Structure formats: C-alpha cells, structure tokens
C-alpha atoms as a PDB file:
ATOM      1  CA  MET A   1      26.791  -2.260 -89.741  1.00  0.00           C
ATOM      2  CA  LEU A   2      23.838  -4.557 -90.225  1.00  0.00           C
ATOM      3  CA  MET A   3      22.368  -3.993 -86.750  1.00  0.00           C
ATOM      4  CA  HIS A   4      22.369  -0.221 -87.276  1.00  0.00           C
ATOM      5  CA  TYR A   5      20.587  -0.644 -90.628  1.00  0.00           C
ATOM      6  CA  ILE A   6      17.988  -2.982 -89.094  1.00  0.00           C
ATOM      7  CA  LEU A   7      17.377  -0.598 -86.182  1.00  0.00           C
ATOM      8  CA  THR A   8      16.851   2.433 -88.427  1.00  0.00           C
ATOM      9  CA  ASP A   9      14.518   0.430 -90.674  1.00  0.00           C
ATOM     10  CA  ILE A  10      12.456  -0.818 -87.718  1.00  0.00           C
ATOM     11  CA  ILE A  11      12.242   2.671 -86.201  1.00  0.00           C
ATOM     12  CA  ARG A  12      11.191   4.110 -89.556  1.00  0.00           C
ATOM     13  CA  THR A  13       8.381   1.588 -90.064  1.00  0.00           C
ATOM     14  CA  ALA A  14       7.274   0.815 -86.470  1.00  0.00           C
ATOM     15  CA  ASP A  15       4.547   2.481 -84.476  1.00  0.00           C
ATOM     16  CA  LYS A  16       5.809   5.522 -82.643  1.00  0.00           C
ATOM     17  CA  GLY A  17       6.857   4.792 -79.078  1.00  0.00           C
ATOM     18  CA  ASN A  18       6.438   1.047 -79.436  1.00  0.00           C
ATOM     19  CA  GLY A  19       9.671   0.014 -81.137  1.00  0.00           C
ATOM     20  CA  PRO A  20      13.257  -0.453 -79.973  1.00  0.00           C
ATOM     21  CA  LYS A  21      15.151   2.580 -78.721  1.00  0.00           C
ATOM     22  CA  SER A  22      18.727   1.388 -79.351  1.00  0.00           C
ATOM     23  CA  ILE A  23      20.770  -1.413 -80.864  1.00  0.00           C
ATOM     24  CA  ASP A  24      20.949  -3.030 -77.421  1.00  0.00           C
ATOM     25  CA  ASP A  25      17.197  -3.729 -77.704  1.00  0.00           C
ATOM     26  CA  LEU A  26      17.802  -5.996 -80.733  1.00  0.00           C
ATOM     27  CA  LYS A  27      19.270  -9.479 -80.971  1.00  0.00           C
ATOM     28  CA  LEU A  28      20.232 -10.913 -84.368  1.00  0.00           C
ATOM     29  CA  ILE A  29      20.267 -14.722 -84.518  1.00  0.00           C
ATOM     30  CA  ASN A  30      22.003 -16.745 -87.249  1.00  0.00           C
ATOM     31  CA  ALA A  31      22.220 -20.563 -87.132  1.00  0.00           C
ATOM     32  CA  GLY A  32      21.170 -20.571 -83.477  1.00  0.00           C
ATOM     33  CA  MET A  33      23.895 -18.135 -82.418  1.00  0.00           C
ATOM     34  CA  ILE A  34      23.255 -14.608 -81.130  1.00  0.00           C
ATOM     35  CA  LEU A  35      25.494 -12.282 -83.116  1.00  0.00           C
ATOM     36  CA  GLU A  36      27.477  -9.602 -81.311  1.00  0.00           C
ATOM     37  CA  ASN A  37      26.510  -5.981 -81.957  1.00  0.00           C
ATOM     38  CA  ASN A  38      30.093  -4.816 -82.504  1.00  0.00           C
ATOM     39  CA  ARG A  39      30.939  -7.363 -85.239  1.00  0.00           C
ATOM     40  CA  THR A  40      30.092  -7.203 -88.920  1.00  0.00           C
ATOM     41  CA  LEU A  41      28.130  -9.908 -90.695  1.00  0.00           C
ATOM     42  CA  ARG A  42      31.277 -11.016 -92.527  1.00  0.00           C
ATOM     43  CA  GLU A  43      33.078 -11.536 -89.213  1.00  0.00           C
ATOM     44  CA  SER A  44      30.118 -13.514 -87.850  1.00  0.00           C
ATOM     45  CA  ARG A  45      29.714 -15.916 -90.774  1.00  0.00           C
ATOM     46  CA  LEU A  46      29.777 -19.651 -90.205  1.00  0.00           C
ATOM     47  CA  PRO A  47      31.546 -21.145 -93.249  1.00  0.00           C
ATOM     48  CA  LEU A  48      30.566 -24.755 -92.486  1.00  0.00           C
ATOM     49  CA  THR A  49      26.820 -24.102 -92.409  1.00  0.00           C
ATOM     50  CA  GLU A  50      26.499 -21.726 -95.359  1.00  0.00           C
ATOM     51  CA  VAL A  51      26.114 -22.769 -98.971  1.00  0.00           C
ATOM     52  CA  PRO A  52      27.946 -20.480-101.444  1.00  0.00           C
ATOM     53  CA  GLY A  53      25.355 -18.351-103.240  1.00  0.00           C
ATOM     54  CA  GLY A  54      22.617 -19.619-100.906  1.00  0.00           C
ATOM     55  CA  VAL A  55      20.124 -17.739 -98.802  1.00  0.00           C
ATOM     56  CA  ILE A  56      20.961 -16.886 -95.193  1.00  0.00           C
ATOM     57  CA  THR A  57      17.996 -16.805 -92.818  1.00  0.00           C
ATOM     58  CA  MET A  58      18.345 -14.619 -89.741  1.00  0.00           C
ATOM     59  CA  HIS A  59      15.958 -13.754 -86.962  1.00  0.00           C
ATOM     60  CA  VAL A  60      15.639 -10.366 -85.280  1.00  0.00           C
ATOM     61  CA  VAL A  61      14.368 -10.404 -81.702  1.00  0.00           C
ATOM     62  CA  VAL A  62      13.198  -7.118 -80.189  1.00  0.00           C
ATOM     63  CA  ARG A  63      13.332  -6.809 -76.404  1.00  0.00           C
ATOM     64  CA  PRO A  64       9.981  -5.610 -75.011  1.00  0.00           C
ATOM     65  CA  PRO A  65       9.933  -2.158 -73.391  1.00  0.00           C
ATOM     66  CA  LEU A  66      10.743  -1.980 -69.698  1.00  0.00           C
ATOM     67  CA  PRO A  67       7.839  -1.050 -67.414  1.00  0.00           C
ATOM     68  CA  ASP A  68       7.690   2.452 -66.007  1.00  0.00           C
ATOM     69  CA  LYS A  69       8.814   2.635 -62.381  1.00  0.00           C
ATOM     70  CA  ASN A  70       5.742   4.681 -61.424  1.00  0.00           C
ATOM     71  CA  THR A  71       3.192   2.299 -62.896  1.00  0.00           C
ATOM     72  CA  ASP A  72       2.861  -1.446 -63.197  1.00  0.00           C
ATOM     73  CA  LYS A  73       0.563  -1.237 -66.238  1.00  0.00           C
ATOM     74  CA  LEU A  74       2.933  -3.085 -68.584  1.00  0.00           C
ATOM     75  CA  LYS A  75       3.562  -5.750 -65.960  1.00  0.00           C
ATOM     76  CA  ASN A  76      -0.155  -6.326 -65.388  1.00  0.00           C
ATOM     77  CA  ASP A  77      -0.887  -6.402 -69.128  1.00  0.00           C
ATOM     78  CA  ALA A  78       1.884  -8.927 -69.708  1.00  0.00           C
ATOM     79  CA  MET A  79       0.538 -11.211 -66.986  1.00  0.00           C
ATOM     80  CA  ASN A  80      -2.975 -11.174 -68.491  1.00  0.00           C
ATOM     81  CA  LYS A  81      -1.777 -12.156 -71.958  1.00  0.00           C
ATOM     82  CA  GLY A  82      -0.781 -15.693 -72.801  1.00  0.00           C
ATOM     83  CA  GLY A  83       2.712 -16.469 -74.021  1.00  0.00           C
ATOM     84  CA  CYS A  84       3.509 -17.656 -77.490  1.00  0.00           C
ATOM     85  CA  SER A  85       5.371 -20.701 -78.656  1.00  0.00           C
ATOM     86  CA  CYS A  86       6.822 -22.049 -81.850  1.00  0.00           C
ATOM     87  CA  SER A  87       6.859 -25.738 -82.771  1.00  0.00           C
ATOM     88  CA  ILE A  88       8.685 -27.071 -85.788  1.00  0.00           C
ATOM     89  CA  LEU A  89       7.833 -30.642 -86.671  1.00  0.00           C
END
C-alpha cells in the first residue's frame, strides 16, 4: 500500500530516532480529506476532482513524537518554539 511505501521511504531517509515509528504516525491528505490507512489509493480516489492524466497532489503529515513520561523536555521545547502557519492568497 501507499502508506507503507511512504513510511519505509521516510524511515530510510530521515534522521535516526526522529522520524515516524509506524503507519499510525502518518496522515495522507488528498483534496482536503484524510485517507484511511487500510484503503488503497484507488479506493480513495475522488473521480469528480481529478483530471484524467493529471497530477495528484497529496500531503503527508507526520505526528510529532510523544514526550517521555519521565521528562518534560519535549513539552518545554515545544512551548518555547513558535508555531507555524500557512496562508494561501
């Protein structure tokens, strides 16, 4: 499946210990819809929004790692950093 391929590619190229650990840490978004992990891309297609032979743009969102129960380091670091935003005009 596509999610499995994306996960193995991210793990192969990402920094060790900083990437996703499983498919549940990834969300694949197509046309504003979050695709389910157990469905194939063909099953998830939206025929009304796709142009035959056109390019399909998808977004992969990686869930940040959960903080360790013994330390609040990740929590404190996240609070010190500003958030990010995206504006399309």
